[in-house]
Amino acid sequence: MVTHPSPQPEPTWLKVVRLLRWDKPAGRLILMIPALWAVVLAARGNPPPILIGVIVLGTLATSAAGCVINDLWDRNIDPQVQRTKTRPLASRALSVRTGIAVALVSMLCAYGLSLYLNPLSFWLCVAAVPVIVLYPLAKRVFPVPQLVLSLAWGFAVLISWSAVTGTLEPETWLLWGATVLWTLGFDTVYAMADREDDLRVGVNSSAIFFGRYAAQAVGAFFTATAVLLGKLGSLMALGWVYWMALLGAIALWIWQYLRLRRAPTAAPNPSLYGQIFRQNVWVGFVLLAGMALGFF
């Protein structure tokens, strides 16, 4: 008789890594990207290296805190959703007390990094905190909670830009608008994977709000993003490398829209939605390279 060794229990440190979503870097990188867009553009292609380090670490700490806060709010909802039922707080692999402790440590790290910033950037960090903390409630009371998340993403632009210039310029708001709309687009795609579970549980999402027109909504968000990024590139007189990067992004967004249009609404395709979400990480980095090289 063959006996199989019993699986080893998951170590606590690995549970904490999963709680912070560090095992899924795409979600962490996609928040970092708009912050890096802002610092590169505000510095006209020559950002201070130390500030880049602060921005990178700050986005990691902030997104970590946001993930834990979200899971604390949703610890009784996540077990009912296929994609989230194995999260450490949902599966009770970690206690609420541990989750609160991890969230506090993450927020303290973010606070420490914010002290490096100028007063305007610091107070923008403070203003972002209620949006991050209360975002999980939006899905319970607001029909398009992804808009709240998008506004939280937009703070990354405002904080990073003002960290370079000490002010907010017209170009800042163009980038902010592009970031909010881009986030609305890719996060609506992300929400499509949970549409059936969210309907059953009774929480809101943009995928539910737009219904059978969700693909068209995503296409509209990506189109508006491209328009604002085009206006930004023209206003800042960015070079041909930026425009090539933007054309590449537009081509991919069109292809993603067409794939969503062909996907039947009644038959969710989580692998397609996850693929489109991850592709937008690469879109963000391509645009970042175009912005950095567009000044030369």
C-alpha atoms as a PDB file:
ATOM      1  CA  MET A   1       0.000   0.000   0.000  1.00  0.00           C
ATOM      2  CA  VAL A   2       1.430   3.352  -1.080  1.00  0.00           C
ATOM      3  CA  THR A   3       1.132   6.150   1.422  1.00  0.00           C
ATOM      4  CA  HIS A   4       1.318   9.761   0.402  1.00  0.00           C
ATOM      5  CA  PRO A   5       2.965  12.257   2.738  1.00  0.00           C
ATOM      6  CA  SER A   6       0.529  14.755   4.198  1.00  0.00           C
ATOM      7  CA  PRO A   7       0.922  18.259   2.753  1.00  0.00           C
ATOM      8  CA  GLN A   8       3.021  20.611   4.805  1.00  0.00           C
ATOM      9  CA  PRO A   9       1.074  23.489   6.396  1.00  0.00           C
ATOM     10  CA  GLU A  10       1.611  26.836   4.712  1.00  0.00           C
ATOM     11  CA  PRO A  11       4.038  28.967   6.758  1.00  0.00           C
ATOM     12  CA  THR A  12       2.667  32.184   8.226  1.00  0.00           C
ATOM     13  CA  TRP A  13       5.090  34.379   6.285  1.00  0.00           C
ATOM     14  CA  LEU A  14       3.748  32.961   3.015  1.00  0.00           C
ATOM     15  CA  LYS A  15       0.183  33.638   4.142  1.00  0.00           C
ATOM     16  CA  VAL A  16       1.186  37.253   4.801  1.00  0.00           C
ATOM     17  CA  VAL A  17       2.785  37.445   1.332  1.00  0.00           C
ATOM     18  CA  ARG A  18      -0.517  36.286  -0.164  1.00  0.00           C
ATOM     19  CA  LEU A  19      -2.430  38.755   2.019  1.00  0.00           C
ATOM     20  CA  LEU A  20      -0.281  41.569   0.613  1.00  0.00           C
ATOM     21  CA  ARG A  21      -0.759  40.118  -2.922  1.00  0.00           C
ATOM     22  CA  TRP A  22       2.998  40.072  -3.409  1.00  0.00           C
ATOM     23  CA  ASP A  23       2.564  36.681  -5.026  1.00  0.00           C
ATOM     24  CA  LYS A  24       0.609  38.474  -7.796  1.00  0.00           C
ATOM     25  CA  PRO A  25       2.848  41.355  -8.876  1.00  0.00           C
ATOM     26  CA  ALA A  26       0.650  42.586 -11.735  1.00  0.00           C
ATOM     27  CA  GLY A  27      -1.718  44.359  -9.369  1.00  0.00           C
ATOM     28  CA  ARG A  28       1.158  46.043  -7.544  1.00  0.00           C
ATOM     29  CA  LEU A  29       2.906  47.147 -10.726  1.00  0.00           C
ATOM     30  CA  ILE A  30      -0.225  48.588 -12.301  1.00  0.00           C
ATOM     31  CA  LEU A  31      -0.546  51.066  -9.393  1.00  0.00           C
ATOM     32  CA  MET A  32       3.135  51.947  -9.597  1.00  0.00           C
ATOM     33  CA  ILE A  33       2.933  52.783 -13.307  1.00  0.00           C
ATOM     34  CA  PRO A  34       0.857  56.029 -13.133  1.00  0.00           C
ATOM     35  CA  ALA A  35       3.059  57.242 -10.276  1.00  0.00           C
ATOM     36  CA  LEU A  36       6.140  56.682 -12.444  1.00  0.00           C
ATOM     37  CA  TRP A  37       4.432  58.313 -15.433  1.00  0.00           C
ATOM     38  CA  ALA A  38       3.882  61.397 -13.298  1.00  0.00           C
ATOM     39  CA  VAL A  39       7.370  61.643 -11.839  1.00  0.00           C
ATOM     40  CA  VAL A  40       9.012  61.180 -15.263  1.00  0.00           C
ATOM     41  CA  LEU A  41       6.784  63.715 -17.015  1.00  0.00           C
ATOM     42  CA  ALA A  42       6.921  66.285 -14.215  1.00  0.00           C
ATOM     43  CA  ALA A  43      10.732  66.077 -14.213  1.00  0.00           C
ATOM     44  CA  ARG A  44      10.795  66.337 -18.026  1.00  0.00           C
ATOM     45  CA  GLY A  45      12.547  62.997 -18.372  1.00  0.00           C
ATOM     46  CA  ASN A  46      15.138  63.491 -15.639  1.00  0.00           C
ATOM     47  CA  PRO A  47      13.572  62.532 -12.275  1.00  0.00           C
ATOM     48  CA  PRO A  48      15.702  62.439  -9.095  1.00  0.00           C
ATOM     49  CA  PRO A  49      16.739  58.821  -8.403  1.00  0.00           C
ATOM     50  CA  ILE A  50      15.968  59.066  -4.681  1.00  0.00           C
ATOM     51  CA  LEU A  51      12.453  60.290  -5.436  1.00  0.00           C
ATOM     52  CA  ILE A  52      11.910  57.364  -7.797  1.00  0.00           C
ATOM     53  CA  GLY A  53      12.890  55.024  -4.963  1.00  0.00           C
ATOM     54  CA  VAL A  54      10.478  56.741  -2.578  1.00  0.00           C
ATOM     55  CA  ILE A  55       7.666  56.536  -5.150  1.00  0.00           C
ATOM     56  CA  VAL A  56       8.285  52.842  -5.844  1.00  0.00           C
ATOM     57  CA  LEU A  57       8.407  51.897  -2.161  1.00  0.00           C
ATOM     58  CA  GLY A  58       5.482  54.181  -1.381  1.00  0.00           C
ATOM     59  CA  THR A  59       3.231  52.566  -3.987  1.00  0.00           C
ATOM     60  CA  LEU A  60       4.195  49.101  -2.732  1.00  0.00           C
ATOM     61  CA  ALA A  61       3.369  50.051   0.856  1.00  0.00           C
ATOM     62  CA  THR A  62       0.137  51.810  -0.098  1.00  0.00           C
ATOM     63  CA  SER A  63      -1.135  49.021  -2.339  1.00  0.00           C
ATOM     64  CA  ALA A  64      -0.256  46.487   0.366  1.00  0.00           C
ATOM     65  CA  ALA A  65      -2.278  48.433   2.927  1.00  0.00           C
ATOM     66  CA  GLY A  66      -5.148  48.780   0.455  1.00  0.00           C
ATOM     67  CA  CYS A  67      -5.231  45.043  -0.230  1.00  0.00           C
ATOM     68  CA  VAL A  68      -5.334  44.149   3.466  1.00  0.00           C
ATOM     69  CA  ILE A  69      -7.991  46.767   4.247  1.00  0.00           C
ATOM     70  CA  ASN A  70     -10.069  45.462   1.342  1.00  0.00           C
ATOM     71  CA  ASP A  71      -9.791  41.884   2.625  1.00  0.00           C
ATOM     72  CA  LEU A  72     -10.705  42.939   6.154  1.00  0.00           C
ATOM     73  CA  TRP A  73     -13.898  44.590   4.895  1.00  0.00           C
ATOM     74  CA  ASP A  74     -14.703  41.645   2.599  1.00  0.00           C
ATOM     75  CA  ARG A  75     -13.692  38.725   4.801  1.00  0.00           C
ATOM     76  CA  ASN A  76     -17.297  37.456   4.869  1.00  0.00           C
ATOM     77  CA  ILE A  77     -17.974  38.171   1.184  1.00  0.00           C
ATOM     78  CA  ASP A  78     -14.779  36.741  -0.322  1.00  0.00           C
ATOM     79  CA  PRO A  79     -15.561  33.124   0.729  1.00  0.00           C
ATOM     80  CA  GLN A  80     -18.609  33.277  -1.575  1.00  0.00           C
ATOM     81  CA  VAL A  81     -16.608  34.360  -4.639  1.00  0.00           C
ATOM     82  CA  GLN A  82     -14.675  31.760  -6.615  1.00  0.00           C
ATOM     83  CA  ARG A  83     -11.677  34.004  -7.314  1.00  0.00           C
ATOM     84  CA  THR A  84     -11.242  35.232  -3.733  1.00  0.00           C
ATOM     85  CA  LYS A  85     -12.349  32.360  -1.495  1.00  0.00           C
ATOM     86  CA  THR A  86      -8.778  31.181  -0.799  1.00  0.00           C
ATOM     87  CA  ARG A  87      -7.486  34.559   0.377  1.00  0.00           C
ATOM     88  CA  PRO A  88      -5.947  34.257   3.853  1.00  0.00           C
ATOM     89  CA  LEU A  89      -8.618  36.242   5.702  1.00  0.00           C
ATOM     90  CA  ALA A  90     -11.479  34.735   3.712  1.00  0.00           C
ATOM     91  CA  SER A  91     -10.273  31.184   4.372  1.00  0.00           C
ATOM     92  CA  ARG A  92      -9.480  32.067   8.009  1.00  0.00           C
ATOM     93  CA  ALA A  93      -5.842  31.101   7.454  1.00  0.00           C
ATOM     94  CA  LEU A  94      -4.981  34.397   9.160  1.00  0.00           C
ATOM     95  CA  SER A  95      -6.883  36.107  11.949  1.00  0.00           C
ATOM     96  CA  VAL A  96      -8.493  39.535  11.785  1.00  0.00           C
ATOM     97  CA  ARG A  97      -6.009  40.707  14.412  1.00  0.00           C
ATOM     98  CA  THR A  98      -3.113  39.707  12.173  1.00  0.00           C
ATOM     99  CA  GLY A  99      -4.724  41.462   9.220  1.00  0.00           C
ATOM    100  CA  ILE A 100      -5.125  44.681  11.201  1.00  0.00           C
ATOM    101  CA  ALA A 101      -1.495  44.488  12.353  1.00  0.00           C
ATOM    102  CA  VAL A 102      -0.230  43.994   8.794  1.00  0.00           C
ATOM    103  CA  ALA A 103      -2.379  46.889   7.551  1.00  0.00           C
ATOM    104  CA  LEU A 104      -1.035  49.184  10.280  1.00  0.00           C
ATOM    105  CA  VAL A 105       2.578  48.270   9.519  1.00  0.00           C
ATOM    106  CA  SER A 106       1.998  48.913   5.806  1.00  0.00           C
ATOM    107  CA  MET A 107       0.399  52.286   6.515  1.00  0.00           C
ATOM    108  CA  LEU A 108       3.218  53.246   8.897  1.00  0.00           C
ATOM    109  CA  CYS A 109       5.744  52.435   6.162  1.00  0.00           C
ATOM    110  CA  ALA A 110       3.803  54.590   3.709  1.00  0.00           C
ATOM    111  CA  TYR A 111       3.636  57.388   6.278  1.00  0.00           C
ATOM    112  CA  GLY A 112       7.390  57.252   6.877  1.00  0.00           C
ATOM    113  CA  LEU A 113       8.066  57.525   3.155  1.00  0.00           C
ATOM    114  CA  SER A 114       5.601  60.422   2.788  1.00  0.00           C
ATOM    115  CA  LEU A 115       7.714  62.489   5.195  1.00  0.00           C
ATOM    116  CA  TYR A 116      10.330  62.775   2.440  1.00  0.00           C
ATOM    117  CA  LEU A 117       7.823  64.636   0.245  1.00  0.00           C
ATOM    118  CA  ASN A 118       7.006  68.342   0.128  1.00  0.00           C
ATOM    119  CA  PRO A 119       3.950  69.673   2.028  1.00  0.00           C
ATOM    120  CA  LEU A 120       1.547  69.550  -0.944  1.00  0.00           C
ATOM    121  CA  SER A 121       2.457  65.958  -1.762  1.00  0.00           C
ATOM    122  CA  PHE A 122       2.240  64.974   1.915  1.00  0.00           C
ATOM    123  CA  TRP A 123      -1.277  66.374   2.294  1.00  0.00           C
ATOM    124  CA  LEU A 124      -2.346  64.711  -0.927  1.00  0.00           C
ATOM    125  CA  CYS A 125      -1.170  61.451   0.672  1.00  0.00           C
ATOM    126  CA  VAL A 126      -3.349  62.238   3.670  1.00  0.00           C
ATOM    127  CA  ALA A 127      -6.318  63.006   1.395  1.00  0.00           C
ATOM    128  CA  ALA A 128      -5.908  59.638  -0.326  1.00  0.00           C
ATOM    129  CA  VAL A 129      -6.247  57.657   2.915  1.00  0.00           C
ATOM    130  CA  PRO A 130     -10.069  57.923   3.297  1.00  0.00           C
ATOM    131  CA  VAL A 131     -10.529  56.872  -0.343  1.00  0.00           C
ATOM    132  CA  ILE A 132      -8.325  53.804   0.186  1.00  0.00           C
ATOM    133  CA  VAL A 133      -9.959  52.855   3.486  1.00  0.00           C
ATOM    134  CA  LEU A 134     -13.548  53.351   2.318  1.00  0.00           C
ATOM    135  CA  TYR A 135     -13.211  51.927  -1.220  1.00  0.00           C
ATOM    136  CA  PRO A 136     -14.394  48.438  -0.182  1.00  0.00           C
ATOM    137  CA  LEU A 137     -17.657  49.954   1.078  1.00  0.00           C
ATOM    138  CA  ALA A 138     -18.348  51.410  -2.375  1.00  0.00           C
ATOM    139  CA  LYS A 139     -19.338  48.039  -3.811  1.00  0.00           C
ATOM    140  CA  ARG A 140     -22.110  47.864  -1.211  1.00  0.00           C
ATOM    141  CA  VAL A 141     -23.650  51.300  -1.832  1.00  0.00           C
ATOM    142  CA  PHE A 142     -22.372  52.695  -5.164  1.00  0.00           C
ATOM    143  CA  PRO A 143     -23.262  51.224  -8.581  1.00  0.00           C
ATOM    144  CA  VAL A 144     -19.789  51.781 -10.100  1.00  0.00           C
ATOM    145  CA  PRO A 145     -17.276  51.092  -7.296  1.00  0.00           C
ATOM    146  CA  GLN A 146     -14.477  50.847  -9.856  1.00  0.00           C
ATOM    147  CA  LEU A 147     -14.757  54.637 -10.193  1.00  0.00           C
ATOM    148  CA  VAL A 148     -13.790  54.998  -6.533  1.00  0.00           C
ATOM    149  CA  LEU A 149     -10.783  52.735  -7.109  1.00  0.00           C
ATOM    150  CA  SER A 150      -9.871  54.797 -10.172  1.00  0.00           C
ATOM    151  CA  LEU A 151      -9.925  57.997  -8.115  1.00  0.00           C
ATOM    152  CA  ALA A 152      -7.624  56.303  -5.597  1.00  0.00           C
ATOM    153  CA  TRP A 153      -5.284  55.429  -8.496  1.00  0.00           C
ATOM    154  CA  GLY A 154      -5.442  59.062  -9.602  1.00  0.00           C
ATOM    155  CA  PHE A 155      -3.879  60.186  -6.322  1.00  0.00           C
ATOM    156  CA  ALA A 156      -0.684  58.405  -7.417  1.00  0.00           C
ATOM    157  CA  VAL A 157      -0.420  60.935 -10.255  1.00  0.00           C
ATOM    158  CA  LEU A 158      -1.170  63.990  -8.118  1.00  0.00           C
ATOM    159  CA  ILE A 159       1.227  62.971  -5.343  1.00  0.00           C
ATOM    160  CA  SER A 160       4.099  62.037  -7.648  1.00  0.00           C
ATOM    161  CA  TRP A 161       3.787  65.068  -9.938  1.00  0.00           C
ATOM    162  CA  SER A 162       3.629  67.534  -7.065  1.00  0.00           C
ATOM    163  CA  ALA A 163       6.588  65.776  -5.430  1.00  0.00           C
ATOM    164  CA  VAL A 164       8.693  66.989  -8.356  1.00  0.00           C
ATOM    165  CA  THR A 165       7.222  70.441  -9.037  1.00  0.00           C
ATOM    166  CA  GLY A 166       5.607  71.422  -5.738  1.00  0.00           C
ATOM    167  CA  THR A 167       2.458  72.306  -7.678  1.00  0.00           C
ATOM    168  CA  LEU A 168      -0.233  70.842  -9.961  1.00  0.00           C
ATOM    169  CA  GLU A 169      -0.063  71.954 -13.600  1.00  0.00           C
ATOM    170  CA  PRO A 170      -2.565  71.642 -16.477  1.00  0.00           C
ATOM    171  CA  GLU A 171      -0.566  68.654 -17.715  1.00  0.00           C
ATOM    172  CA  THR A 172      -1.038  67.009 -14.338  1.00  0.00           C
ATOM    173  CA  TRP A 173      -4.801  66.938 -14.773  1.00  0.00           C
ATOM    174  CA  LEU A 174      -4.554  65.493 -18.269  1.00  0.00           C
ATOM    175  CA  LEU A 175      -2.456  62.638 -16.898  1.00  0.00           C
ATOM    176  CA  TRP A 176      -4.816  62.289 -13.924  1.00  0.00           C
ATOM    177  CA  GLY A 177      -7.818  61.998 -16.251  1.00  0.00           C
ATOM    178  CA  ALA A 178      -6.019  59.463 -18.446  1.00  0.00           C
ATOM    179  CA  THR A 179      -5.107  57.403 -15.376  1.00  0.00           C
ATOM    180  CA  VAL A 180      -8.656  57.429 -13.980  1.00  0.00           C
ATOM    181  CA  LEU A 181     -10.137  56.375 -17.327  1.00  0.00           C
ATOM    182  CA  TRP A 182      -7.479  53.736 -17.992  1.00  0.00           C
ATOM    183  CA  THR A 183      -8.088  52.282 -14.536  1.00  0.00           C
ATOM    184  CA  LEU A 184     -11.846  52.263 -15.134  1.00  0.00           C
ATOM    185  CA  GLY A 185     -11.183  50.309 -18.311  1.00  0.00           C
ATOM    186  CA  PHE A 186      -8.895  47.583 -17.032  1.00  0.00           C
ATOM    187  CA  ASP A 187     -10.698  47.240 -13.697  1.00  0.00           C
ATOM    188  CA  THR A 188     -14.050  46.810 -15.438  1.00  0.00           C
ATOM    189  CA  VAL A 189     -12.438  43.956 -17.361  1.00  0.00           C
ATOM    190  CA  TYR A 190     -11.158  42.547 -14.048  1.00  0.00           C
ATOM    191  CA  ALA A 191     -14.681  42.798 -12.583  1.00  0.00           C
ATOM    192  CA  MET A 192     -16.134  40.754 -15.442  1.00  0.00           C
ATOM    193  CA  ALA A 193     -14.562  37.622 -13.946  1.00  0.00           C
ATOM    194  CA  ASP A 194     -16.640  38.040 -10.778  1.00  0.00           C
ATOM    195  CA  ARG A 195     -19.890  39.189 -12.388  1.00  0.00           C
ATOM    196  CA  GLU A 196     -21.932  36.069 -11.635  1.00  0.00           C
ATOM    197  CA  ASP A 197     -20.656  35.753  -8.064  1.00  0.00           C
ATOM    198  CA  ASP A 198     -21.196  39.468  -7.394  1.00  0.00           C
ATOM    199  CA  LEU A 199     -24.798  39.230  -8.626  1.00  0.00           C
ATOM    200  CA  ARG A 200     -25.428  36.265  -6.358  1.00  0.00           C
ATOM    201  CA  VAL A 201     -23.806  37.888  -3.319  1.00  0.00           C
ATOM    202  CA  GLY A 202     -25.492  41.241  -3.974  1.00  0.00           C
ATOM    203  CA  VAL A 203     -22.543  43.617  -4.417  1.00  0.00           C
ATOM    204  CA  ASN A 204     -22.051  46.163  -7.187  1.00  0.00           C
ATOM    205  CA  SER A 205     -19.471  46.418  -9.947  1.00  0.00           C
ATOM    206  CA  SER A 206     -19.019  48.322 -13.176  1.00  0.00           C
ATOM    207  CA  ALA A 207     -19.294  45.007 -15.061  1.00  0.00           C
ATOM    208  CA  ILE A 208     -22.790  44.577 -13.624  1.00  0.00           C
ATOM    209  CA  PHE A 209     -23.710  48.243 -14.108  1.00  0.00           C
ATOM    210  CA  PHE A 210     -22.841  48.248 -17.817  1.00  0.00           C
ATOM    211  CA  GLY A 211     -24.183  44.721 -18.324  1.00  0.00           C
ATOM    212  CA  ARG A 212     -24.144  43.585 -21.939  1.00  0.00           C
ATOM    213  CA  TYR A 213     -22.529  46.893 -22.880  1.00  0.00           C
ATOM    214  CA  ALA A 214     -19.496  46.306 -20.644  1.00  0.00           C
ATOM    215  CA  ALA A 215     -17.180  45.737 -23.620  1.00  0.00           C
ATOM    216  CA  GLN A 216     -18.346  48.986 -25.217  1.00  0.00           C
ATOM    217  CA  ALA A 217     -17.777  50.817 -21.930  1.00  0.00           C
ATOM    218  CA  VAL A 218     -14.226  49.453 -21.748  1.00  0.00           C
ATOM    219  CA  GLY A 219     -13.643  50.546 -25.337  1.00  0.00           C
ATOM    220  CA  ALA A 220     -14.923  54.043 -24.526  1.00  0.00           C
ATOM    221  CA  PHE A 221     -12.667  54.303 -21.458  1.00  0.00           C
ATOM    222  CA  PHE A 222      -9.590  53.226 -23.431  1.00  0.00           C
ATOM    223  CA  THR A 223     -10.486  55.626 -26.270  1.00  0.00           C
ATOM    224  CA  ALA A 224     -10.780  58.550 -23.860  1.00  0.00           C
ATOM    225  CA  THR A 225      -7.478  57.517 -22.254  1.00  0.00           C
ATOM    226  CA  ALA A 226      -5.783  57.621 -25.654  1.00  0.00           C
ATOM    227  CA  VAL A 227      -7.262  61.052 -26.434  1.00  0.00           C
ATOM    228  CA  LEU A 228      -6.007  62.532 -23.160  1.00  0.00           C
ATOM    229  CA  LEU A 229      -2.567  60.953 -23.552  1.00  0.00           C
ATOM    230  CA  GLY A 230      -2.422  62.351 -27.081  1.00  0.00           C
ATOM    231  CA  LYS A 231      -3.317  65.823 -25.836  1.00  0.00           C
ATOM    232  CA  LEU A 232      -0.701  65.479 -23.085  1.00  0.00           C
ATOM    233  CA  GLY A 233       2.006  64.451 -25.542  1.00  0.00           C
ATOM    234  CA  SER A 234       1.183  67.403 -27.784  1.00  0.00           C
ATOM    235  CA  LEU A 235       1.140  69.891 -24.896  1.00  0.00           C
ATOM    236  CA  MET A 236       4.498  68.648 -23.592  1.00  0.00           C
ATOM    237  CA  ALA A 237       6.006  68.396 -27.104  1.00  0.00           C
ATOM    238  CA  LEU A 238       7.049  64.779 -26.593  1.00  0.00           C
ATOM    239  CA  GLY A 239       9.080  63.159 -29.358  1.00  0.00           C
ATOM    240  CA  TRP A 240       8.406  60.373 -31.813  1.00  0.00           C
ATOM    241  CA  VAL A 241       9.247  57.578 -29.342  1.00  0.00           C
ATOM    242  CA  TYR A 242       6.293  58.591 -27.191  1.00  0.00           C
ATOM    243  CA  TRP A 243       3.956  58.635 -30.169  1.00  0.00           C
ATOM    244  CA  MET A 244       5.113  55.179 -31.266  1.00  0.00           C
ATOM    245  CA  ALA A 245       4.479  53.891 -27.732  1.00  0.00           C
ATOM    246  CA  LEU A 246       1.022  55.480 -27.703  1.00  0.00           C
ATOM    247  CA  LEU A 247       0.168  53.992 -31.110  1.00  0.00           C
ATOM    248  CA  GLY A 248       1.236  50.586 -29.814  1.00  0.00           C
ATOM    249  CA  ALA A 249      -0.985  51.018 -26.756  1.00  0.00           C
ATOM    250  CA  ILE A 250      -3.936  52.073 -28.928  1.00  0.00           C
ATOM    251  CA  ALA A 251      -3.477  49.053 -31.194  1.00  0.00           C
ATOM    252  CA  LEU A 252      -3.522  46.701 -28.205  1.00  0.00           C
ATOM    253  CA  TRP A 253      -6.556  48.417 -26.659  1.00  0.00           C
ATOM    254  CA  ILE A 254      -8.460  48.011 -29.943  1.00  0.00           C
ATOM    255  CA  TRP A 255      -7.523  44.321 -30.059  1.00  0.00           C
ATOM    256  CA  GLN A 256      -8.611  43.869 -26.425  1.00  0.00           C
ATOM    257  CA  TYR A 257     -11.924  45.577 -27.135  1.00  0.00           C
ATOM    258  CA  LEU A 258     -12.583  43.324 -30.118  1.00  0.00           C
ATOM    259  CA  ARG A 259     -11.832  40.227 -28.053  1.00  0.00           C
ATOM    260  CA  LEU A 260     -14.237  41.395 -25.338  1.00  0.00           C
ATOM    261  CA  ARG A 261     -16.911  42.105 -27.947  1.00  0.00           C
ATOM    262  CA  ARG A 262     -16.601  38.565 -29.283  1.00  0.00           C
ATOM    263  CA  ALA A 263     -16.741  36.997 -25.806  1.00  0.00           C
ATOM    264  CA  PRO A 264     -20.348  35.997 -24.948  1.00  0.00           C
ATOM    265  CA  THR A 265     -21.713  37.890 -21.949  1.00  0.00           C
ATOM    266  CA  ALA A 266     -23.525  34.818 -20.655  1.00  0.00           C
ATOM    267  CA  ALA A 267     -20.324  32.745 -20.553  1.00  0.00           C
ATOM    268  CA  PRO A 268     -17.648  34.519 -18.470  1.00  0.00           C
ATOM    269  CA  ASN A 269     -14.071  33.877 -19.555  1.00  0.00           C
ATOM    270  CA  PRO A 270     -11.809  34.523 -16.523  1.00  0.00           C
ATOM    271  CA  SER A 271      -8.648  33.598 -18.414  1.00  0.00           C
ATOM    272  CA  LEU A 272      -9.392  36.245 -21.071  1.00  0.00           C
ATOM    273  CA  TYR A 273     -10.111  38.910 -18.454  1.00  0.00           C
ATOM    274  CA  GLY A 274      -6.952  38.079 -16.505  1.00  0.00           C
ATOM    275  CA  GLN A 275      -4.886  38.156 -19.694  1.00  0.00           C
ATOM    276  CA  ILE A 276      -6.203  41.598 -20.677  1.00  0.00           C
ATOM    277  CA  PHE A 277      -5.527  42.903 -17.172  1.00  0.00           C
ATOM    278  CA  ARG A 278      -1.912  41.668 -17.266  1.00  0.00           C
ATOM    279  CA  GLN A 279      -1.407  43.043 -20.777  1.00  0.00           C
ATOM    280  CA  ASN A 280      -2.261  46.495 -19.473  1.00  0.00           C
ATOM    281  CA  VAL A 281       0.709  46.260 -17.128  1.00  0.00           C
ATOM    282  CA  TRP A 282       2.943  45.943 -20.190  1.00  0.00           C
ATOM    283  CA  VAL A 283       1.031  48.748 -21.914  1.00  0.00           C
ATOM    284  CA  GLY A 284       1.804  50.949 -18.921  1.00  0.00           C
ATOM    285  CA  PHE A 285       5.518  50.197 -19.038  1.00  0.00           C
ATOM    286  CA  VAL A 286       5.690  50.747 -22.802  1.00  0.00           C
ATOM    287  CA  LEU A 287       4.063  54.150 -22.320  1.00  0.00           C
ATOM    288  CA  LEU A 288       6.471  54.875 -19.458  1.00  0.00           C
ATOM    289  CA  ALA A 289       9.438  54.147 -21.739  1.00  0.00           C
ATOM    290  CA  GLY A 290       7.913  56.373 -24.414  1.00  0.00           C
ATOM    291  CA  MET A 291       7.475  59.199 -21.902  1.00  0.00           C
ATOM    292  CA  ALA A 292      11.043  58.889 -20.628  1.00  0.00           C
ATOM    293  CA  LEU A 293      12.550  58.799 -24.117  1.00  0.00           C
ATOM    294  CA  GLY A 294      10.133  61.334 -25.531  1.00  0.00           C
ATOM    295  CA  PHE A 295      12.181  64.175 -24.066  1.00  0.00           C
ATOM    296  CA  PHE A 296      15.328  63.210 -25.984  1.00  0.00           C
END
